[in-house]
Protein backbone atom coordinates (compact mmCIF):
# COMPACT_ATOMS: atom_id res chain seq x y z
CA MET A 1 94.50 110.24 171.58
CA LYS A 2 94.54 111.02 167.86
CA VAL A 3 97.59 112.61 166.32
CA ILE A 4 96.72 115.63 164.19
CA TYR A 5 98.86 116.27 161.14
CA LEU A 6 98.62 119.95 160.20
CA ASN A 7 101.52 120.15 157.73
CA SER A 8 101.65 118.42 154.41
CA LEU A 9 103.72 118.16 151.28
CA THR A 10 102.50 117.49 147.74
CA ILE A 11 104.86 115.64 145.39
CA ASP A 12 104.21 115.11 141.69
CA LEU A 13 106.34 112.43 139.98
CA THR A 14 104.47 112.46 136.64
CA PRO A 15 107.24 114.31 134.70
CA LEU A 16 109.75 111.52 135.46
CA HIS A 17 110.19 108.38 133.36
CA GLY A 18 112.16 105.13 133.43
CA LYS A 19 114.89 104.53 135.97
CA THR A 20 114.67 108.09 137.28
CA PHE A 21 111.00 107.60 138.15
CA LYS A 22 111.69 104.26 139.81
CA MET A 23 114.51 105.70 141.94
CA ALA A 24 112.47 108.72 143.04
CA ALA A 25 109.40 106.57 143.79
CA ASP A 26 111.47 104.21 145.94
CA LEU A 27 112.93 107.15 147.87
CA ILE A 28 109.48 108.61 148.48
CA ARG A 29 108.12 105.25 149.65
CA SER A 30 111.05 104.66 152.00
CA GLY A 31 110.54 108.13 153.49
CA ILE A 32 106.84 107.46 154.03
CA LYS A 33 107.69 104.12 155.63
CA ASN A 34 110.13 105.82 158.03
CA ILE A 35 107.59 108.48 159.03
CA HIS A 36 104.28 106.58 159.12
CA GLY A 37 105.26 102.88 159.06
CA TYR A 38 104.61 100.02 156.65
CA ARG A 39 100.84 100.31 156.86
CA ALA A 40 100.93 103.69 155.12
CA LEU A 41 102.48 102.13 152.00
CA LYS A 42 99.35 100.18 151.11
CA GLY A 43 98.11 101.43 147.75
CA ILE A 44 101.13 103.62 146.92
CA THR A 45 102.17 101.77 143.79
CA ASP A 46 104.07 102.94 140.74
CA ILE A 47 100.82 103.18 138.80
CA CYS A 48 99.31 105.42 141.47
CA LEU A 49 102.38 107.70 141.47
CA LYS A 50 102.46 107.93 137.65
CA GLU A 51 98.82 109.06 137.46
CA GLY A 52 98.86 111.95 139.89
CA SER A 53 100.38 113.74 142.83
CA LEU A 54 100.82 112.39 146.35
CA ALA A 55 100.21 114.28 149.60
CA ILE A 56 102.27 113.36 152.65
CA ARG A 57 101.28 114.71 156.06
CA PHE A 58 103.64 115.60 158.89
CA LYS A 59 103.17 116.41 162.56
CA THR A 60 105.40 119.51 162.59
CA PRO A 61 106.92 121.85 160.00
CA ARG A 62 110.33 120.67 161.18
CA ASP A 63 109.52 117.06 160.15
CA ARG A 64 108.40 118.28 156.75
CA GLN A 65 111.59 120.31 156.31
CA ARG A 66 113.73 117.28 157.25
CA PHE A 67 111.96 115.19 154.63
CA ILE A 68 112.59 117.82 151.95
CA HIS A 69 116.23 118.18 153.01
CA ARG A 70 116.82 114.43 152.84
CA LEU A 71 115.21 114.24 149.40
CA SER A 72 117.35 117.11 148.15
CA SER A 73 120.51 115.46 149.47
CA LEU A 74 119.73 112.15 147.73
CA LEU A 75 118.34 113.35 144.38
CA ARG A 76 120.09 115.41 141.74
CA ASP A 77 119.12 119.03 141.25
CA LYS A 78 117.77 118.32 137.74
CA ILE A 79 115.41 115.69 139.13
CA LEU A 80 114.30 117.93 141.99
CA ASP A 81 113.46 120.68 139.49
CA LYS A 82 111.21 118.28 137.56
CA ILE A 83 109.43 117.06 140.70
CA ASN A 84 106.81 119.54 141.79
CA ILE A 85 107.24 119.76 145.59
CA GLN A 86 104.78 122.10 147.29
CA LYS A 87 104.38 122.81 150.99
CA THR A 88 100.67 122.74 151.80
CA LYS A 89 98.37 122.83 154.80
CA PRO A 90 95.45 120.40 154.92
CA LYS A 91 91.95 121.50 155.83
CA LYS A 92 91.28 121.40 159.57
CA ALA A 93 88.23 119.18 159.06
CA SER A 94 90.37 116.53 157.39
CA ALA A 95 93.49 116.89 159.54
CA VAL A 96 93.47 113.18 160.39
CA PRO A 97 95.29 111.31 157.59
CA VAL A 98 93.63 108.74 155.35
CA ARG A 99 94.69 105.26 156.36
CA PHE A 100 94.92 103.74 152.90
CA VAL A 101 95.09 105.08 149.36
CA ARG A 102 92.50 103.51 147.08
CA ASN A 103 93.88 101.52 144.14
CA ARG A 104 92.54 102.57 140.78
């Protein structure tokens, strides 16, 4: 049985630089690892995060809200304001997540 992820979150780390970027990227990767496992981290490198936004899919809106709450408790408010976090809904046709992100 396939799990359908109908809630997603788009995070843009491009405004961050230096140690701030590294800290936020590590937090995002550890959150993805906790939700989806190690296999989901393939291709999510610093270069990939610097070039564009990242979409993370969740099973329920409650899981998505927990992820946002944990990020907000670990990052400063100034950093959270720079990161563009948007709650989104994926298209029904592509509700099954992509296994790996392609390296550029």
